[in-house]
Amino acid sequence: MAAAKIDFWFTMGSTYSFLSVMRLAELQQSTGVTFQWRPFHLLVILQEMNHVPFADKPAKLAYMWRDIERRASVQGIAARLPAPYPVKSSIRANLVATVGMREGWGPDFVRAAYRRWFQLGQEAGSEPNLSGSLRDIGQDEARVLALADSEDAMAALVAETDAARALGIFGSPTFTVDREVFWGDDRLEDAINWRRSHSIKPN
């Protein structure tokens, strides 16, 4: 029997994705559900919707950081907040993640990049985050960044963004079970329950 799988859609400029990124490995082990990590470029979809959240809304931005701080504390995830935001080069980080998913080290890179962003204050997608995160996981940064800058990597990222749009995805993190969409880290457990029993009711 095939392993139960959930698609994890994320973009490297997303703040709330930090929470999911840092706990998926443990959840995969404890639940037996496999997560397929799928980076996409959310900014394109948000621009099409004429909607860029938080950055120009001070009250909402303050709430976001406090909300993430509370949730990270409950989950035992270290964070030094606020982190640099908004991210200016999320597309570069998404391209590196795209290369990593193809080569098998993508989740390790994403975790390393989020640790540097949320714990060291190094903005995702910029230096020294990019090169440092690649070195953290034993990758040659010159080789990987050259691949990330290729037309092939961009085509792959565009294809994943198109696939996310076709599913009706409008935020990060999002989890999909077939065509059922669950938006937000606080819906992760709902997605797991749905994968198991087609109900969000805990098993």
N, C-alpha and C. Protein backbone atom coordinates (compact mmCIF):
# COMPACT_ATOMS: atom_id res chain seq x y z
N MET A 1 0.85 -1.20 0.00
CA MET A 1 0.00 0.00 0.00
C MET A 1 0.88 1.25 0.00
N ALA A 2 0.52 2.22 -0.85
CA ALA A 2 1.31 3.45 -0.93
C ALA A 2 1.21 4.22 0.37
N ALA A 3 2.31 4.91 0.70
CA ALA A 3 2.33 5.70 1.93
C ALA A 3 1.38 6.89 1.80
N ALA A 4 0.72 7.23 2.92
CA ALA A 4 -0.15 8.40 2.94
C ALA A 4 0.71 9.65 2.70
N LYS A 5 0.27 10.52 1.79
CA LYS A 5 1.09 11.66 1.40
C LYS A 5 0.27 12.95 1.43
N ILE A 6 0.91 14.00 1.87
CA ILE A 6 0.33 15.35 1.84
C ILE A 6 1.31 16.25 1.11
N ASP A 7 0.79 17.07 0.18
CA ASP A 7 1.64 18.06 -0.49
C ASP A 7 1.74 19.30 0.39
N PHE A 8 2.97 19.72 0.64
CA PHE A 8 3.27 20.90 1.45
C PHE A 8 3.73 22.00 0.52
N TRP A 9 2.87 22.99 0.31
CA TRP A 9 3.15 24.11 -0.58
C TRP A 9 3.65 25.29 0.26
N PHE A 10 4.79 25.83 -0.12
CA PHE A 10 5.36 26.92 0.67
C PHE A 10 6.18 27.84 -0.22
N THR A 11 6.34 29.06 0.26
CA THR A 11 7.24 30.01 -0.40
C THR A 11 8.19 30.55 0.66
N MET A 12 9.43 30.78 0.28
CA MET A 12 10.46 31.10 1.25
C MET A 12 10.31 32.48 1.89
N GLY A 13 9.44 33.31 1.36
CA GLY A 13 9.21 34.61 1.98
C GLY A 13 8.11 34.60 3.02
N SER A 14 7.51 33.43 3.25
CA SER A 14 6.37 33.31 4.15
C SER A 14 6.82 33.15 5.60
N THR A 15 6.28 34.00 6.47
CA THR A 15 6.65 33.94 7.88
C THR A 15 6.01 32.73 8.58
N TYR A 16 4.73 32.52 8.38
CA TYR A 16 4.05 31.42 9.06
C TYR A 16 4.56 30.05 8.62
N SER A 17 5.15 29.98 7.44
CA SER A 17 5.71 28.70 6.99
C SER A 17 6.85 28.23 7.89
N PHE A 18 7.48 29.16 8.59
CA PHE A 18 8.54 28.81 9.54
C PHE A 18 8.06 27.74 10.52
N LEU A 19 6.86 27.91 11.04
CA LEU A 19 6.34 26.97 12.03
C LEU A 19 6.20 25.57 11.45
N SER A 20 5.66 25.49 10.24
CA SER A 20 5.49 24.17 9.61
C SER A 20 6.82 23.55 9.23
N VAL A 21 7.69 24.36 8.66
CA VAL A 21 9.00 23.87 8.24
C VAL A 21 9.74 23.21 9.40
N MET A 22 9.65 23.81 10.57
CA MET A 22 10.42 23.33 11.71
C MET A 22 9.79 22.13 12.41
N ARG A 23 8.58 21.76 12.06
CA ARG A 23 7.98 20.61 12.75
C ARG A 23 7.53 19.47 11.84
N LEU A 24 7.69 19.60 10.53
CA LEU A 24 7.22 18.55 9.64
C LEU A 24 7.97 17.23 9.83
N ALA A 25 9.27 17.29 10.07
CA ALA A 25 10.04 16.05 10.21
C ALA A 25 9.52 15.22 11.38
N GLU A 26 9.27 15.88 12.51
CA GLU A 26 8.76 15.17 13.68
C GLU A 26 7.36 14.63 13.43
N LEU A 27 6.51 15.42 12.77
CA LEU A 27 5.15 14.95 12.47
C LEU A 27 5.17 13.77 11.51
N GLN A 28 6.06 13.82 10.54
CA GLN A 28 6.15 12.70 9.61
C GLN A 28 6.51 11.41 10.35
N GLN A 29 7.43 11.52 11.28
CA GLN A 29 7.85 10.35 12.05
C GLN A 29 6.74 9.85 12.96
N SER A 30 6.02 10.77 13.60
CA SER A 30 5.01 10.36 14.59
C SER A 30 3.70 9.92 13.96
N THR A 31 3.40 10.40 12.75
CA THR A 31 2.10 10.08 12.13
C THR A 31 2.21 9.06 11.01
N GLY A 32 3.40 8.90 10.44
CA GLY A 32 3.55 8.01 9.30
C GLY A 32 3.12 8.63 7.99
N VAL A 33 2.70 9.90 8.02
CA VAL A 33 2.31 10.62 6.81
C VAL A 33 3.56 11.22 6.16
N THR A 34 3.69 11.05 4.86
CA THR A 34 4.81 11.62 4.13
C THR A 34 4.43 12.97 3.55
N PHE A 35 5.32 13.94 3.68
CA PHE A 35 5.07 15.27 3.13
C PHE A 35 5.94 15.48 1.90
N GLN A 36 5.31 15.89 0.81
CA GLN A 36 6.04 16.26 -0.40
C GLN A 36 6.19 17.77 -0.41
N TRP A 37 7.43 18.23 -0.29
CA TRP A 37 7.72 19.66 -0.20
C TRP A 37 7.67 20.28 -1.59
N ARG A 38 6.84 21.32 -1.77
CA ARG A 38 6.64 21.92 -3.09
C ARG A 38 6.78 23.44 -3.02
N PRO A 39 7.99 23.95 -3.22
CA PRO A 39 8.17 25.41 -3.25
C PRO A 39 7.48 26.02 -4.47
N PHE A 40 6.85 27.17 -4.26
CA PHE A 40 6.24 27.92 -5.36
C PHE A 40 6.42 29.40 -5.07
N HIS A 41 6.17 30.23 -6.07
CA HIS A 41 6.40 31.67 -5.89
C HIS A 41 5.08 32.36 -5.62
N LEU A 42 4.73 32.44 -4.35
CA LEU A 42 3.44 32.99 -3.93
C LEU A 42 3.27 34.44 -4.35
N LEU A 43 4.34 35.22 -4.37
CA LEU A 43 4.22 36.64 -4.66
C LEU A 43 3.50 36.90 -5.98
N VAL A 44 3.72 36.05 -6.97
CA VAL A 44 3.05 36.21 -8.26
C VAL A 44 1.54 36.10 -8.09
N ILE A 45 1.10 35.11 -7.33
CA ILE A 45 -0.33 34.91 -7.10
C ILE A 45 -0.92 36.06 -6.30
N LEU A 46 -0.20 36.52 -5.29
CA LEU A 46 -0.69 37.65 -4.48
C LEU A 46 -0.80 38.91 -5.32
N GLN A 47 0.16 39.14 -6.20
CA GLN A 47 0.09 40.31 -7.07
C GLN A 47 -1.11 40.24 -8.01
N GLU A 48 -1.40 39.04 -8.50
CA GLU A 48 -2.58 38.86 -9.35
C GLU A 48 -3.86 39.17 -8.59
N MET A 49 -3.84 38.91 -7.28
CA MET A 49 -5.00 39.17 -6.41
C MET A 49 -5.00 40.59 -5.87
N ASN A 50 -3.94 41.36 -6.22
CA ASN A 50 -3.76 42.71 -5.67
C ASN A 50 -3.78 42.68 -4.15
N HIS A 51 -3.04 41.71 -3.60
CA HIS A 51 -3.05 41.52 -2.15
C HIS A 51 -1.66 41.10 -1.68
N VAL A 52 -1.00 41.97 -0.93
CA VAL A 52 0.26 41.64 -0.26
C VAL A 52 0.05 41.86 1.22
N PRO A 53 -0.05 40.79 2.01
CA PRO A 53 -0.45 40.93 3.42
C PRO A 53 0.64 41.50 4.31
N PHE A 54 0.24 42.08 5.41
CA PHE A 54 1.08 42.44 6.55
C PHE A 54 2.02 43.64 6.34
N ALA A 55 2.80 43.65 5.26
CA ALA A 55 3.91 44.59 5.16
C ALA A 55 3.48 46.04 5.33
N ASP A 56 2.32 46.42 4.79
CA ASP A 56 1.87 47.81 4.87
C ASP A 56 0.74 47.99 5.88
N LYS A 57 0.61 47.03 6.82
CA LYS A 57 -0.46 47.06 7.82
C LYS A 57 0.16 46.89 9.20
N PRO A 58 0.60 47.98 9.85
CA PRO A 58 1.36 47.87 11.10
C PRO A 58 0.68 47.07 12.20
N ALA A 59 -0.61 47.26 12.41
CA ALA A 59 -1.29 46.52 13.47
C ALA A 59 -1.32 45.02 13.17
N LYS A 60 -1.57 44.69 11.92
CA LYS A 60 -1.61 43.28 11.52
C LYS A 60 -0.21 42.66 11.58
N LEU A 61 0.80 43.45 11.22
CA LEU A 61 2.17 42.97 11.28
C LEU A 61 2.58 42.67 12.72
N ALA A 62 2.23 43.56 13.64
CA ALA A 62 2.56 43.35 15.05
C ALA A 62 1.86 42.10 15.58
N TYR A 63 0.61 41.91 15.17
CA TYR A 63 -0.12 40.71 15.59
C TYR A 63 0.56 39.46 15.04
N MET A 64 0.97 39.51 13.77
CA MET A 64 1.62 38.35 13.15
C MET A 64 2.83 37.90 13.95
N TRP A 65 3.71 38.85 14.30
CA TRP A 65 4.92 38.47 15.04
C TRP A 65 4.57 37.90 16.41
N ARG A 66 3.60 38.49 17.09
CA ARG A 66 3.22 37.98 18.41
C ARG A 66 2.58 36.60 18.29
N ASP A 67 1.78 36.40 17.26
CA ASP A 67 1.13 35.12 17.03
C ASP A 67 2.17 34.02 16.76
N ILE A 68 3.13 34.33 15.91
CA ILE A 68 4.19 33.36 15.62
C ILE A 68 5.01 33.07 16.87
N GLU A 69 5.28 34.11 17.64
CA GLU A 69 6.05 33.93 18.88
C GLU A 69 5.31 32.99 19.83
N ARG A 70 4.01 33.19 20.00
CA ARG A 70 3.23 32.32 20.88
C ARG A 70 3.23 30.89 20.39
N ARG A 71 2.99 30.71 19.10
CA ARG A 71 2.89 29.35 18.55
C ARG A 71 4.24 28.65 18.57
N ALA A 72 5.30 29.38 18.29
CA ALA A 72 6.64 28.78 18.34
C ALA A 72 6.97 28.34 19.76
N SER A 73 6.59 29.14 20.74
CA SER A 73 6.86 28.80 22.14
C SER A 73 6.15 27.51 22.54
N VAL A 74 4.89 27.38 22.16
CA VAL A 74 4.12 26.18 22.49
C VAL A 74 4.75 24.95 21.85
N GLN A 75 5.27 25.11 20.65
CA GLN A 75 5.83 23.99 19.91
C GLN A 75 7.31 23.75 20.19
N GLY A 76 7.90 24.57 21.08
CA GLY A 76 9.29 24.40 21.44
C GLY A 76 10.26 24.77 20.34
N ILE A 77 9.87 25.74 19.50
CA ILE A 77 10.71 26.17 18.39
C ILE A 77 11.37 27.50 18.75
N ALA A 78 12.69 27.55 18.71
CA ALA A 78 13.41 28.77 19.04
C ALA A 78 13.21 29.82 17.95
N ALA A 79 12.98 31.06 18.35
CA ALA A 79 12.82 32.15 17.40
C ALA A 79 13.21 33.47 18.05
N ARG A 80 13.88 34.32 17.27
CA ARG A 80 14.21 35.68 17.71
C ARG A 80 13.45 36.65 16.80
N LEU A 81 12.41 37.24 17.35
CA LEU A 81 11.48 38.02 16.54
C LEU A 81 11.43 39.48 17.01
N PRO A 82 11.10 40.40 16.09
CA PRO A 82 10.75 40.15 14.69
C PRO A 82 11.98 39.85 13.83
N ALA A 83 11.76 39.09 12.77
CA ALA A 83 12.80 38.79 11.80
C ALA A 83 12.70 39.80 10.65
N PRO A 84 13.75 39.93 9.84
CA PRO A 84 13.67 40.86 8.70
C PRO A 84 12.48 40.53 7.80
N TYR A 85 11.68 41.55 7.50
CA TYR A 85 10.47 41.32 6.70
C TYR A 85 9.98 42.67 6.16
N PRO A 86 9.46 42.70 4.92
CA PRO A 86 9.32 41.58 3.99
C PRO A 86 10.64 41.17 3.35
N VAL A 87 10.64 39.95 2.83
CA VAL A 87 11.83 39.40 2.18
C VAL A 87 11.93 39.96 0.77
N LYS A 88 13.10 40.50 0.44
CA LYS A 88 13.26 41.17 -0.87
C LYS A 88 13.58 40.19 -1.99
N SER A 89 14.20 39.04 -1.66
CA SER A 89 14.66 38.12 -2.72
C SER A 89 14.10 36.72 -2.52
N SER A 90 12.80 36.65 -2.23
CA SER A 90 12.22 35.33 -1.99
C SER A 90 12.33 34.43 -3.22
N ILE A 91 12.30 35.01 -4.42
CA ILE A 91 12.35 34.17 -5.61
C ILE A 91 13.69 33.41 -5.69
N ARG A 92 14.79 34.05 -5.27
CA ARG A 92 16.09 33.36 -5.31
C ARG A 92 16.09 32.18 -4.34
N ALA A 93 15.55 32.37 -3.15
CA ALA A 93 15.47 31.28 -2.19
C ALA A 93 14.56 30.17 -2.71
N ASN A 94 13.45 30.55 -3.36
CA ASN A 94 12.55 29.54 -3.92
C ASN A 94 13.23 28.74 -5.03
N LEU A 95 14.06 29.41 -5.82
CA LEU A 95 14.78 28.71 -6.89
C LEU A 95 15.80 27.73 -6.31
N VAL A 96 16.51 28.13 -5.26
CA VAL A 96 17.45 27.21 -4.61
C VAL A 96 16.68 26.02 -4.03
N ALA A 97 15.55 26.29 -3.39
CA ALA A 97 14.74 25.20 -2.84
C ALA A 97 14.26 24.27 -3.95
N THR A 98 13.91 24.82 -5.10
CA THR A 98 13.47 24.02 -6.23
C THR A 98 14.57 23.07 -6.68
N VAL A 99 15.79 23.58 -6.79
CA VAL A 99 16.93 22.73 -7.14
C VAL A 99 17.11 21.65 -6.09
N GLY A 100 17.01 22.05 -4.83
CA GLY A 100 17.20 21.10 -3.73
C GLY A 100 16.17 19.99 -3.71
N MET A 101 14.93 20.30 -4.03
CA MET A 101 13.91 19.25 -4.06
C MET A 101 14.22 18.22 -5.14
N ARG A 102 14.75 18.68 -6.26
CA ARG A 102 15.13 17.75 -7.33
C ARG A 102 16.29 16.85 -6.91
N GLU A 103 17.20 17.40 -6.11
CA GLU A 103 18.42 16.66 -5.77
C GLU A 103 18.31 15.94 -4.42
N GLY A 104 17.25 16.18 -3.68
CA GLY A 104 17.03 15.43 -2.46
C GLY A 104 17.43 16.11 -1.16
N TRP A 105 18.03 17.31 -1.22
CA TRP A 105 18.44 18.01 -0.01
C TRP A 105 17.59 19.26 0.25
N GLY A 106 16.51 19.40 -0.49
CA GLY A 106 15.68 20.59 -0.37
C GLY A 106 15.14 20.87 1.03
N PRO A 107 14.52 19.89 1.69
CA PRO A 107 14.01 20.17 3.04
C PRO A 107 15.10 20.61 4.01
N ASP A 108 16.29 20.02 3.90
CA ASP A 108 17.39 20.43 4.78
C ASP A 108 17.77 21.88 4.54
N PHE A 109 17.80 22.29 3.27
CA PHE A 109 18.12 23.68 2.95
C PHE A 109 17.06 24.62 3.51
N VAL A 110 15.79 24.27 3.32
CA VAL A 110 14.71 25.14 3.78
C VAL A 110 14.77 25.32 5.29
N ARG A 111 15.00 24.22 6.01
CA ARG A 111 15.11 24.33 7.47
C ARG A 111 16.30 25.21 7.86
N ALA A 112 17.43 25.02 7.20
CA ALA A 112 18.62 25.81 7.51
C ALA A 112 18.37 27.29 7.23
N ALA A 113 17.72 27.58 6.11
CA ALA A 113 17.46 28.97 5.73
C ALA A 113 16.49 29.64 6.71
N TYR A 114 15.48 28.90 7.15
CA TYR A 114 14.54 29.46 8.13
C TYR A 114 15.20 29.65 9.49
N ARG A 115 16.08 28.74 9.89
CA ARG A 115 16.80 28.94 11.15
C ARG A 115 17.62 30.21 11.10
N ARG A 116 18.34 30.41 9.99
CA ARG A 116 19.16 31.62 9.87
C ARG A 116 18.27 32.87 9.83
N TRP A 117 17.13 32.79 9.20
CA TRP A 117 16.22 33.94 9.11
C TRP A 117 15.60 34.25 10.47
N PHE A 118 15.02 33.24 11.12
CA PHE A 118 14.24 33.46 12.33
C PHE A 118 15.05 33.37 13.62
N GLN A 119 16.26 32.87 13.56
CA GLN A 119 17.06 32.75 14.78
C GLN A 119 18.30 33.63 14.74
N LEU A 120 18.82 33.92 13.54
CA LEU A 120 20.02 34.74 13.42
C LEU A 120 19.75 36.10 12.78
N GLY A 121 18.54 36.30 12.27
CA GLY A 121 18.20 37.58 11.66
C GLY A 121 18.76 37.78 10.27
N GLN A 122 19.12 36.69 9.59
CA GLN A 122 19.64 36.78 8.22
C GLN A 122 18.49 36.58 7.24
N GLU A 123 18.18 37.60 6.49
CA GLU A 123 17.01 37.58 5.61
C GLU A 123 17.10 36.44 4.59
N ALA A 124 16.02 35.68 4.46
CA ALA A 124 15.97 34.59 3.49
C ALA A 124 16.11 35.14 2.08
N GLY A 125 16.84 34.41 1.25
CA GLY A 125 17.01 34.80 -0.15
C GLY A 125 18.17 35.74 -0.40
N SER A 126 18.75 36.29 0.67
CA SER A 126 19.87 37.21 0.56
C SER A 126 21.11 36.60 1.20
N GLU A 127 22.23 37.26 1.02
CA GLU A 127 23.46 36.82 1.69
C GLU A 127 23.57 37.51 3.04
N PRO A 128 24.09 36.80 4.06
CA PRO A 128 24.78 35.51 3.98
C PRO A 128 23.88 34.30 4.13
N ASN A 129 22.55 34.50 4.15
CA ASN A 129 21.66 33.37 4.38
C ASN A 129 21.81 32.29 3.32
N LEU A 130 21.77 32.66 2.05
CA LEU A 130 21.78 31.66 0.99
C LEU A 130 23.03 30.78 1.05
N SER A 131 24.19 31.41 0.97
CA SER A 131 25.44 30.62 0.95
C SER A 131 25.64 29.90 2.27
N GLY A 132 25.34 30.56 3.38
CA GLY A 132 25.53 29.94 4.68
C GLY A 132 24.64 28.73 4.87
N SER A 133 23.39 28.81 4.42
CA SER A 133 22.47 27.68 4.55
C SER A 133 22.94 26.50 3.71
N LEU A 134 23.46 26.78 2.53
CA LEU A 134 23.98 25.70 1.68
C LEU A 134 25.21 25.05 2.31
N ARG A 135 26.08 25.85 2.87
CA ARG A 135 27.25 25.28 3.56
C ARG A 135 26.82 24.48 4.78
N ASP A 136 25.80 24.95 5.49
CA ASP A 136 25.32 24.24 6.67
C ASP A 136 24.93 22.80 6.34
N ILE A 137 24.43 22.56 5.13
CA ILE A 137 23.96 21.23 4.76
C ILE A 137 24.92 20.51 3.83
N GLY A 138 26.14 21.05 3.71
CA GLY A 138 27.18 20.37 2.94
C GLY A 138 27.08 20.50 1.44
N GLN A 139 26.43 21.56 0.96
CA GLN A 139 26.32 21.79 -0.48
C GLN A 139 27.30 22.86 -0.94
N ASP A 140 27.78 22.72 -2.17
CA ASP A 140 28.68 23.70 -2.78
C ASP A 140 27.83 24.88 -3.26
N GLU A 141 27.98 26.02 -2.59
CA GLU A 141 27.09 27.13 -2.91
C GLU A 141 27.25 27.64 -4.33
N ALA A 142 28.47 27.65 -4.87
CA ALA A 142 28.68 28.14 -6.23
C ALA A 142 27.94 27.25 -7.24
N ARG A 143 28.04 25.95 -7.06
CA ARG A 143 27.36 25.02 -7.97
C ARG A 143 25.85 25.19 -7.88
N VAL A 144 25.33 25.23 -6.66
CA VAL A 144 23.88 25.30 -6.48
C VAL A 144 23.32 26.62 -6.97
N LEU A 145 23.99 27.73 -6.66
CA LEU A 145 23.48 29.03 -7.08
C LEU A 145 23.50 29.16 -8.60
N ALA A 146 24.47 28.54 -9.25
CA ALA A 146 24.50 28.54 -10.71
C ALA A 146 23.29 27.78 -11.26
N LEU A 147 22.97 26.66 -10.65
CA LEU A 147 21.79 25.89 -11.08
C LEU A 147 20.51 26.68 -10.81
N ALA A 148 20.46 27.36 -9.67
CA ALA A 148 19.27 28.14 -9.31
C ALA A 148 19.04 29.29 -10.28
N ASP A 149 20.10 29.80 -10.87
CA ASP A 149 19.99 30.92 -11.80
C ASP A 149 19.69 30.46 -13.23
N SER A 150 19.53 29.16 -13.43
CA SER A 150 19.33 28.63 -14.79
C SER A 150 17.87 28.77 -15.23
N GLU A 151 17.67 28.73 -16.54
CA GLU A 151 16.32 28.78 -17.09
C GLU A 151 15.53 27.54 -16.68
N ASP A 152 16.21 26.43 -16.51
CA ASP A 152 15.55 25.19 -16.12
C ASP A 152 14.92 25.31 -14.73
N ALA A 153 15.66 25.89 -13.79
CA ALA A 153 15.12 26.06 -12.44
C ALA A 153 13.93 27.02 -12.46
N MET A 154 14.04 28.10 -13.22
CA MET A 154 12.93 29.06 -13.30
C MET A 154 11.69 28.40 -13.90
N ALA A 155 11.88 27.60 -14.94
CA ALA A 155 10.74 26.91 -15.56
C ALA A 155 10.07 25.97 -14.58
N ALA A 156 10.87 25.29 -13.76
CA ALA A 156 10.31 24.37 -12.77
C ALA A 156 9.52 25.13 -11.71
N LEU A 157 10.05 26.28 -11.27
CA LEU A 157 9.35 27.08 -10.26
C LEU A 157 8.05 27.65 -10.83
N VAL A 158 8.08 28.11 -12.06
CA VAL A 158 6.88 28.62 -12.72
C VAL A 158 5.82 27.52 -12.83
N ALA A 159 6.26 26.31 -13.17
CA ALA A 159 5.33 25.19 -13.30
C ALA A 159 4.66 24.87 -11.96
N GLU A 160 5.43 24.89 -10.88
CA GLU A 160 4.85 24.64 -9.56
C GLU A 160 3.91 25.76 -9.14
N THR A 161 4.26 26.99 -9.48
CA THR A 161 3.38 28.12 -9.18
C THR A 161 2.07 28.00 -9.95
N ASP A 162 2.16 27.58 -11.20
CA ASP A 162 0.95 27.35 -12.00
C ASP A 162 0.10 26.24 -11.40
N ALA A 163 0.75 25.18 -10.91
CA ALA A 163 0.02 24.07 -10.30
C ALA A 163 -0.67 24.52 -9.02
N ALA A 164 0.02 25.36 -8.22
CA ALA A 164 -0.59 25.89 -7.00
C ALA A 164 -1.80 26.75 -7.34
N ARG A 165 -1.66 27.60 -8.33
CA ARG A 165 -2.78 28.46 -8.75
C ARG A 165 -3.98 27.61 -9.19
N ALA A 166 -3.72 26.55 -9.94
CA ALA A 166 -4.79 25.69 -10.44
C ALA A 166 -5.55 25.01 -9.30
N LEU A 167 -4.87 24.79 -8.18
CA LEU A 167 -5.51 24.19 -7.01
C LEU A 167 -6.28 25.21 -6.18
N GLY A 168 -6.14 26.48 -6.51
CA GLY A 168 -6.80 27.53 -5.74
C GLY A 168 -6.00 27.97 -4.53
N ILE A 169 -4.71 27.71 -4.53
CA ILE A 169 -3.86 28.08 -3.40
C ILE A 169 -3.57 29.57 -3.46
N PHE A 170 -3.68 30.24 -2.32
CA PHE A 170 -3.49 31.68 -2.25
C PHE A 170 -2.62 32.10 -1.07
N GLY A 171 -2.01 31.14 -0.38
CA GLY A 171 -1.19 31.48 0.78
C GLY A 171 -0.20 30.38 1.10
N SER A 172 0.70 30.70 2.01
CA SER A 172 1.74 29.77 2.44
C SER A 172 1.88 29.85 3.95
N PRO A 173 1.90 28.69 4.63
CA PRO A 173 1.91 27.33 4.08
C PRO A 173 0.50 26.86 3.73
N THR A 174 0.43 25.99 2.73
CA THR A 174 -0.81 25.31 2.37
C THR A 174 -0.52 23.83 2.24
N PHE A 175 -1.49 23.03 2.66
CA PHE A 175 -1.36 21.58 2.57
C PHE A 175 -2.51 21.06 1.72
N THR A 176 -2.22 20.17 0.79
CA THR A 176 -3.28 19.61 -0.03
C THR A 176 -3.27 18.10 0.06
N VAL A 177 -4.48 17.56 0.16
CA VAL A 177 -4.71 16.12 0.11
C VAL A 177 -5.56 15.89 -1.13
N ASP A 178 -4.93 15.38 -2.18
CA ASP A 178 -5.57 15.36 -3.50
C ASP A 178 -5.93 16.81 -3.85
N ARG A 179 -7.21 17.15 -3.96
CA ARG A 179 -7.57 18.55 -4.28
C ARG A 179 -8.19 19.27 -3.08
N GLU A 180 -8.10 18.66 -1.90
CA GLU A 180 -8.61 19.30 -0.68
C GLU A 180 -7.52 20.23 -0.14
N VAL A 181 -7.87 21.49 0.10
CA VAL A 181 -6.90 22.52 0.46
C VAL A 181 -7.04 22.91 1.93
N PHE A 182 -5.89 22.96 2.62
CA PHE A 182 -5.84 23.40 4.01
C PHE A 182 -4.78 24.49 4.11
N TRP A 183 -5.22 25.71 4.43
CA TRP A 183 -4.31 26.87 4.45
C TRP A 183 -3.91 27.20 5.88
N GLY A 184 -2.60 27.30 6.10
CA GLY A 184 -2.08 27.77 7.37
C GLY A 184 -1.51 26.66 8.24
N ASP A 185 -0.49 27.02 9.01
CA ASP A 185 0.11 26.05 9.93
C ASP A 185 -0.91 25.50 10.91
N ASP A 186 -1.89 26.32 11.28
CA ASP A 186 -2.90 25.86 12.23
C ASP A 186 -3.90 24.89 11.61
N ARG A 187 -3.77 24.61 10.31
CA ARG A 187 -4.61 23.62 9.65
C ARG A 187 -3.82 22.35 9.30
N LEU A 188 -2.59 22.28 9.74
CA LEU A 188 -1.74 21.13 9.42
C LEU A 188 -2.32 19.84 10.00
N GLU A 189 -2.73 19.87 11.26
CA GLU A 189 -3.31 18.67 11.86
C GLU A 189 -4.62 18.27 11.18
N ASP A 190 -5.39 19.27 10.72
CA ASP A 190 -6.61 18.96 9.97
C ASP A 190 -6.26 18.20 8.69
N ALA A 191 -5.21 18.63 8.01
CA ALA A 191 -4.79 17.96 6.78
C ALA A 191 -4.38 16.52 7.06
N ILE A 192 -3.67 16.32 8.16
CA ILE A 192 -3.25 14.96 8.53
C ILE A 192 -4.47 14.08 8.81
N ASN A 193 -5.43 14.61 9.57
CA ASN A 193 -6.64 13.84 9.85
C ASN A 193 -7.42 13.53 8.58
N TRP A 194 -7.47 14.52 7.67
CA TRP A 194 -8.19 14.30 6.42
C TRP A 194 -7.49 13.22 5.57
N ARG A 195 -6.18 13.24 5.58
CA ARG A 195 -5.43 12.22 4.84
C ARG A 195 -5.75 10.82 5.36
N ARG A 196 -5.96 10.73 6.66
CA ARG A 196 -6.20 9.43 7.28
C ARG A 196 -7.65 8.97 7.14
N SER A 197 -8.60 9.88 7.26
CA SER A 197 -9.99 9.44 7.36
C SER A 197 -11.01 10.30 6.60
N HIS A 198 -10.54 11.25 5.79
CA HIS A 198 -11.42 12.17 5.07
C HIS A 198 -12.35 12.91 6.03
N SER A 199 -11.80 13.25 7.17
CA SER A 199 -12.50 14.06 8.16
C SER A 199 -11.46 14.83 8.96
N ILE A 200 -11.81 16.05 9.40
CA ILE A 200 -10.86 16.79 10.21
C ILE A 200 -10.98 16.40 11.69
N LYS A 201 -11.95 15.55 12.00
CA LYS A 201 -12.10 15.07 13.37
C LYS A 201 -10.90 14.21 13.75
N PRO A 202 -10.25 14.49 14.89
CA PRO A 202 -9.08 13.69 15.28
C PRO A 202 -9.44 12.22 15.41
N ASN A 203 -8.51 11.37 14.99
CA ASN A 203 -8.74 9.93 15.06
C ASN A 203 -8.55 9.43 16.49
